[in-house]
């Protein structure tokens, strides 16, 4: 997951919880496209969904 998300525009930090299969991102909102992140995860074989905190 980390390798799929880190290179994306606007991603400042990626934290992956391997046991839960979840990733937490810190992003620059003006540069980050959530749909691009979901697509990158799908291409890497993971299921992605946007969850806003």
C-alpha atoms as a PDB file:
ATOM      1  CA  UNK A   1       0.000   0.000   0.000  1.00  0.00           C
ATOM      2  CA  UNK A   2       2.706   2.427   0.978  1.00  0.00           C
ATOM      3  CA  UNK A   3       4.550   1.990  -2.330  1.00  0.00           C
ATOM      4  CA  UNK A   4       1.341   2.650  -4.270  1.00  0.00           C
ATOM      5  CA  UNK A   5       0.429   5.804  -2.341  1.00  0.00           C
ATOM      6  CA  UNK A   6       3.722   7.575  -1.577  1.00  0.00           C
ATOM      7  CA  UNK A   7       4.503   8.689  -5.156  1.00  0.00           C
ATOM      8  CA  UNK A   8       1.103  10.336  -5.688  1.00  0.00           C
ATOM      9  CA  UNK A   9       0.919  14.139  -5.944  1.00  0.00           C
ATOM     10  CA  UNK A  10      -0.004  15.762  -2.650  1.00  0.00           C
ATOM     11  CA  UNK A  11       0.866  12.801  -0.410  1.00  0.00           C
ATOM     12  CA  UNK A  12       3.039  14.027   2.460  1.00  0.00           C
ATOM     13  CA  UNK A  13       2.981  10.938   4.691  1.00  0.00           C
ATOM     14  CA  UNK A  14       1.618   7.385   4.603  1.00  0.00           C
ATOM     15  CA  UNK A  15       1.107   5.209   7.688  1.00  0.00           C
ATOM     16  CA  UNK A  16       0.051   1.613   7.047  1.00  0.00           C
ATOM     17  CA  UNK A  17      -1.460  -0.636   9.713  1.00  0.00           C
ATOM     18  CA  UNK A  18      -0.685  -4.101   8.363  1.00  0.00           C
ATOM     19  CA  UNK A  19      -2.904  -5.948  10.836  1.00  0.00           C
ATOM     20  CA  UNK A  20      -6.020  -3.925   9.946  1.00  0.00           C
ATOM     21  CA  UNK A  21      -5.127  -3.430   6.290  1.00  0.00           C
ATOM     22  CA  UNK A  22      -5.687   0.308   6.575  1.00  0.00           C
ATOM     23  CA  UNK A  23      -3.594   3.270   5.519  1.00  0.00           C
ATOM     24  CA  UNK A  24      -3.687   6.777   6.957  1.00  0.00           C
ATOM     25  CA  UNK A  25      -2.533   9.627   4.734  1.00  0.00           C
ATOM     26  CA  UNK A  26      -1.438  13.154   5.459  1.00  0.00           C
ATOM     27  CA  UNK A  27      -1.929  15.162   2.281  1.00  0.00           C
ATOM     28  CA  UNK A  28      -1.812  18.606   0.745  1.00  0.00           C
ATOM     29  CA  UNK A  29      -5.492  18.939  -0.165  1.00  0.00           C
ATOM     30  CA  UNK A  30      -4.845  21.306  -3.072  1.00  0.00           C
ATOM     31  CA  UNK A  31      -2.662  18.689  -4.815  1.00  0.00           C
ATOM     32  CA  UNK A  32      -4.225  15.401  -3.702  1.00  0.00           C
ATOM     33  CA  UNK A  33      -6.875  13.508  -5.702  1.00  0.00           C
ATOM     34  CA  UNK A  34      -8.610  10.792  -3.615  1.00  0.00           C
ATOM     35  CA  UNK A  35      -9.830   9.016  -6.755  1.00  0.00           C
ATOM     36  CA  UNK A  36      -6.245   8.741  -7.972  1.00  0.00           C
ATOM     37  CA  UNK A  37      -5.278   7.144  -4.639  1.00  0.00           C
ATOM     38  CA  UNK A  38      -8.129   4.634  -4.873  1.00  0.00           C
ATOM     39  CA  UNK A  39      -7.099   3.793  -8.448  1.00  0.00           C
ATOM     40  CA  UNK A  40      -3.440   3.369  -7.426  1.00  0.00           C
ATOM     41  CA  UNK A  41      -4.470   0.994  -4.647  1.00  0.00           C
ATOM     42  CA  UNK A  42      -6.654  -1.026  -7.025  1.00  0.00           C
ATOM     43  CA  UNK A  43      -3.781  -1.282  -9.514  1.00  0.00           C
ATOM     44  CA  UNK A  44      -1.576  -2.619  -6.701  1.00  0.00           C
ATOM     45  CA  UNK A  45      -4.206  -5.233  -5.784  1.00  0.00           C
ATOM     46  CA  UNK A  46      -5.826  -3.508  -2.811  1.00  0.00           C
ATOM     47  CA  UNK A  47      -9.339  -2.264  -2.225  1.00  0.00           C
ATOM     48  CA  UNK A  48      -9.544   1.425  -1.414  1.00  0.00           C
ATOM     49  CA  UNK A  49     -12.243   3.689  -0.070  1.00  0.00           C
ATOM     50  CA  UNK A  50     -12.293   7.282   1.098  1.00  0.00           C
ATOM     51  CA  UNK A  51     -12.902   7.807   4.806  1.00  0.00           C
ATOM     52  CA  UNK A  52     -12.836  11.352   6.103  1.00  0.00           C
ATOM     53  CA  UNK A  53     -11.848  12.103   9.673  1.00  0.00           C
END
